[in-house]
N, C-alpha and C. Protein backbone atom coordinates (compact mmCIF):
# COMPACT_ATOMS: atom_id res chain seq x y z
N UNK A 1 1.35 -18.25 1.14
CA UNK A 1 2.48 -17.46 1.56
C UNK A 1 1.98 -16.33 2.46
N UNK A 2 2.73 -16.04 3.51
CA UNK A 2 2.40 -14.97 4.44
C UNK A 2 3.39 -13.83 4.21
N UNK A 3 2.89 -12.60 4.28
CA UNK A 3 3.80 -11.46 4.13
C UNK A 3 3.67 -10.52 5.33
N UNK A 4 4.58 -9.57 5.43
CA UNK A 4 4.61 -8.70 6.61
C UNK A 4 3.46 -7.71 6.65
N UNK A 5 2.67 -7.62 5.62
CA UNK A 5 1.52 -6.73 5.61
C UNK A 5 0.29 -7.39 6.23
N UNK A 6 0.45 -8.59 6.75
CA UNK A 6 -0.69 -9.36 7.27
C UNK A 6 -1.18 -8.89 8.63
N UNK A 7 -0.51 -7.95 9.26
CA UNK A 7 -0.94 -7.48 10.57
C UNK A 7 -0.23 -6.19 10.94
N UNK A 8 -0.59 -5.66 12.09
CA UNK A 8 0.02 -4.42 12.56
C UNK A 8 1.00 -4.74 13.68
N UNK A 9 2.25 -4.61 13.40
CA UNK A 9 3.29 -4.86 14.39
C UNK A 9 4.33 -3.75 14.29
N UNK A 10 4.98 -3.43 15.39
CA UNK A 10 6.04 -2.42 15.39
C UNK A 10 7.13 -2.85 16.36
N UNK A 11 8.33 -2.34 16.15
CA UNK A 11 9.44 -2.62 17.06
C UNK A 11 9.76 -4.10 17.15
N UNK A 12 9.98 -4.56 18.40
CA UNK A 12 10.33 -5.97 18.62
C UNK A 12 9.22 -6.90 18.15
N UNK A 13 7.97 -6.46 18.29
CA UNK A 13 6.85 -7.29 17.84
C UNK A 13 6.95 -7.54 16.35
N UNK A 14 7.40 -6.53 15.59
CA UNK A 14 7.53 -6.71 14.15
C UNK A 14 8.63 -7.72 13.84
N UNK A 15 9.72 -7.72 14.60
CA UNK A 15 10.80 -8.69 14.40
C UNK A 15 10.27 -10.10 14.63
N UNK A 16 9.49 -10.28 15.69
CA UNK A 16 8.91 -11.60 15.98
C UNK A 16 7.97 -11.99 14.85
N UNK A 17 7.14 -11.06 14.40
CA UNK A 17 6.21 -11.35 13.30
C UNK A 17 6.97 -11.79 12.06
N UNK A 18 8.06 -11.10 11.74
CA UNK A 18 8.86 -11.46 10.56
C UNK A 18 9.47 -12.85 10.71
N UNK A 19 9.87 -13.21 11.93
CA UNK A 19 10.41 -14.56 12.16
C UNK A 19 9.33 -15.61 11.96
N UNK A 20 8.13 -15.31 12.41
CA UNK A 20 7.02 -16.24 12.20
C UNK A 20 6.75 -16.41 10.71
N UNK A 21 6.71 -15.30 10.00
CA UNK A 21 6.48 -15.34 8.56
C UNK A 21 7.56 -16.17 7.86
N UNK A 22 8.83 -15.92 8.21
CA UNK A 22 9.94 -16.67 7.61
C UNK A 22 9.81 -18.16 7.88
N UNK A 23 9.43 -18.51 9.11
CA UNK A 23 9.29 -19.92 9.48
C UNK A 23 8.19 -20.59 8.68
N UNK A 24 7.05 -19.96 8.57
CA UNK A 24 5.93 -20.54 7.81
C UNK A 24 6.28 -20.66 6.34
N UNK A 25 6.92 -19.65 5.79
CA UNK A 25 7.23 -19.65 4.37
C UNK A 25 8.32 -20.65 3.99
N UNK A 26 9.04 -21.19 4.96
CA UNK A 26 10.03 -22.23 4.66
C UNK A 26 9.36 -23.53 4.24
N UNK A 27 8.07 -23.66 4.55
CA UNK A 27 7.25 -24.80 4.14
C UNK A 27 7.85 -26.15 4.54
N UNK A 28 8.21 -26.26 5.82
CA UNK A 28 8.74 -27.52 6.32
C UNK A 28 7.99 -27.95 7.59
N UNK A 29 6.64 -28.01 7.53
CA UNK A 29 5.89 -28.37 8.73
C UNK A 29 5.93 -29.86 9.00
N UNK A 30 5.62 -30.21 10.25
CA UNK A 30 5.44 -31.62 10.61
C UNK A 30 4.07 -31.74 11.26
N UNK A 31 3.58 -32.95 11.32
CA UNK A 31 2.27 -33.17 11.95
C UNK A 31 2.35 -32.83 13.44
N UNK A 32 1.23 -32.36 13.96
CA UNK A 32 1.14 -32.06 15.38
C UNK A 32 1.24 -33.35 16.19
N UNK A 33 1.71 -33.25 17.41
CA UNK A 33 1.83 -34.43 18.28
C UNK A 33 0.45 -34.89 18.75
N UNK A 34 0.32 -36.16 19.10
CA UNK A 34 -0.97 -36.65 19.59
C UNK A 34 -1.32 -36.03 20.94
N UNK A 35 -2.62 -36.04 21.28
CA UNK A 35 -3.03 -35.56 22.59
C UNK A 35 -2.71 -36.60 23.66
N UNK A 36 -3.07 -36.32 24.91
CA UNK A 36 -2.72 -37.22 26.02
C UNK A 36 -3.35 -38.60 25.89
N UNK A 37 -4.44 -38.71 25.14
CA UNK A 37 -5.09 -40.01 24.92
C UNK A 37 -4.51 -40.74 23.71
N UNK A 38 -3.56 -40.10 23.03
CA UNK A 38 -2.94 -40.72 21.87
C UNK A 38 -3.66 -40.43 20.56
N UNK A 39 -4.73 -39.63 20.64
CA UNK A 39 -5.47 -39.29 19.43
C UNK A 39 -4.77 -38.16 18.67
N UNK A 40 -4.85 -38.19 17.35
CA UNK A 40 -4.19 -37.13 16.58
C UNK A 40 -4.85 -35.78 16.83
N UNK A 41 -4.02 -34.74 16.85
CA UNK A 41 -4.53 -33.38 16.97
C UNK A 41 -4.41 -32.70 15.62
N UNK A 42 -5.34 -31.81 15.30
CA UNK A 42 -5.26 -31.13 14.01
C UNK A 42 -4.11 -30.13 13.99
N UNK A 43 -3.71 -29.75 12.80
CA UNK A 43 -2.73 -28.69 12.66
C UNK A 43 -1.34 -29.19 12.34
N UNK A 44 -0.46 -28.26 12.09
CA UNK A 44 0.94 -28.53 11.77
C UNK A 44 1.82 -27.73 12.72
N UNK A 45 3.03 -28.20 12.91
CA UNK A 45 4.02 -27.52 13.73
C UNK A 45 5.14 -27.05 12.82
N UNK A 46 5.47 -25.78 12.94
CA UNK A 46 6.57 -25.19 12.17
C UNK A 46 7.69 -24.86 13.14
N UNK A 47 8.89 -25.36 12.86
CA UNK A 47 10.03 -25.10 13.73
C UNK A 47 11.19 -24.57 12.92
N UNK A 48 11.97 -23.69 13.57
CA UNK A 48 13.17 -23.16 12.93
C UNK A 48 14.07 -22.62 14.03
N UNK A 49 15.31 -23.03 14.02
CA UNK A 49 16.30 -22.53 14.99
C UNK A 49 16.87 -21.23 14.44
N UNK A 50 16.55 -20.12 15.09
CA UNK A 50 17.01 -18.82 14.64
C UNK A 50 18.44 -18.52 15.08
N UNK A 51 19.00 -19.37 15.93
CA UNK A 51 20.35 -19.16 16.41
C UNK A 51 20.45 -18.18 17.56
N UNK A 52 19.30 -17.72 18.07
CA UNK A 52 19.27 -16.83 19.23
C UNK A 52 18.18 -17.30 20.17
N UNK A 53 18.30 -16.93 21.44
CA UNK A 53 17.29 -17.29 22.42
C UNK A 53 16.10 -16.35 22.28
N UNK A 54 14.92 -16.92 22.16
CA UNK A 54 13.69 -16.15 22.09
C UNK A 54 13.00 -16.33 23.44
N UNK A 55 12.61 -15.22 24.06
CA UNK A 55 11.98 -15.29 25.38
C UNK A 55 11.00 -14.13 25.53
N UNK A 56 10.23 -14.18 26.60
CA UNK A 56 9.27 -13.11 26.87
C UNK A 56 10.03 -11.84 27.26
N UNK A 57 9.45 -10.71 26.92
CA UNK A 57 10.04 -9.42 27.27
C UNK A 57 10.27 -9.28 28.76
N UNK A 58 11.42 -8.72 29.12
CA UNK A 58 11.73 -8.49 30.53
C UNK A 58 12.42 -9.66 31.21
N UNK A 59 12.40 -10.83 30.60
CA UNK A 59 13.06 -11.98 31.23
C UNK A 59 14.55 -11.93 30.95
N UNK A 60 15.32 -12.38 31.92
CA UNK A 60 16.77 -12.43 31.73
C UNK A 60 17.23 -13.86 31.88
N UNK A 61 18.23 -14.21 31.11
CA UNK A 61 18.83 -15.53 31.23
C UNK A 61 19.81 -15.51 32.39
N UNK A 62 20.13 -16.67 32.95
CA UNK A 62 21.03 -16.75 34.10
C UNK A 62 22.37 -16.08 33.82
N UNK A 63 22.87 -16.21 32.61
CA UNK A 63 24.17 -15.61 32.25
C UNK A 63 24.12 -14.09 32.21
N UNK A 64 22.91 -13.50 32.10
CA UNK A 64 22.77 -12.06 32.01
C UNK A 64 22.62 -11.40 33.37
N UNK A 65 22.37 -12.18 34.41
CA UNK A 65 22.12 -11.60 35.73
C UNK A 65 23.38 -11.37 36.51
């Protein structure tokens, strides 16, 4: 289990960190996709639809311009 004390984050970064923690703690990973040669890659992929658009700071969506 991951908790919010696992790193130093503030402001928007803390919100992103909390979303990452929530996603991992849901414990619903899937296997990573194969590489370009078709060989398996190590690791797991964690996905969760937060219901909002996540983007890099400063970027605007077409509807916002």
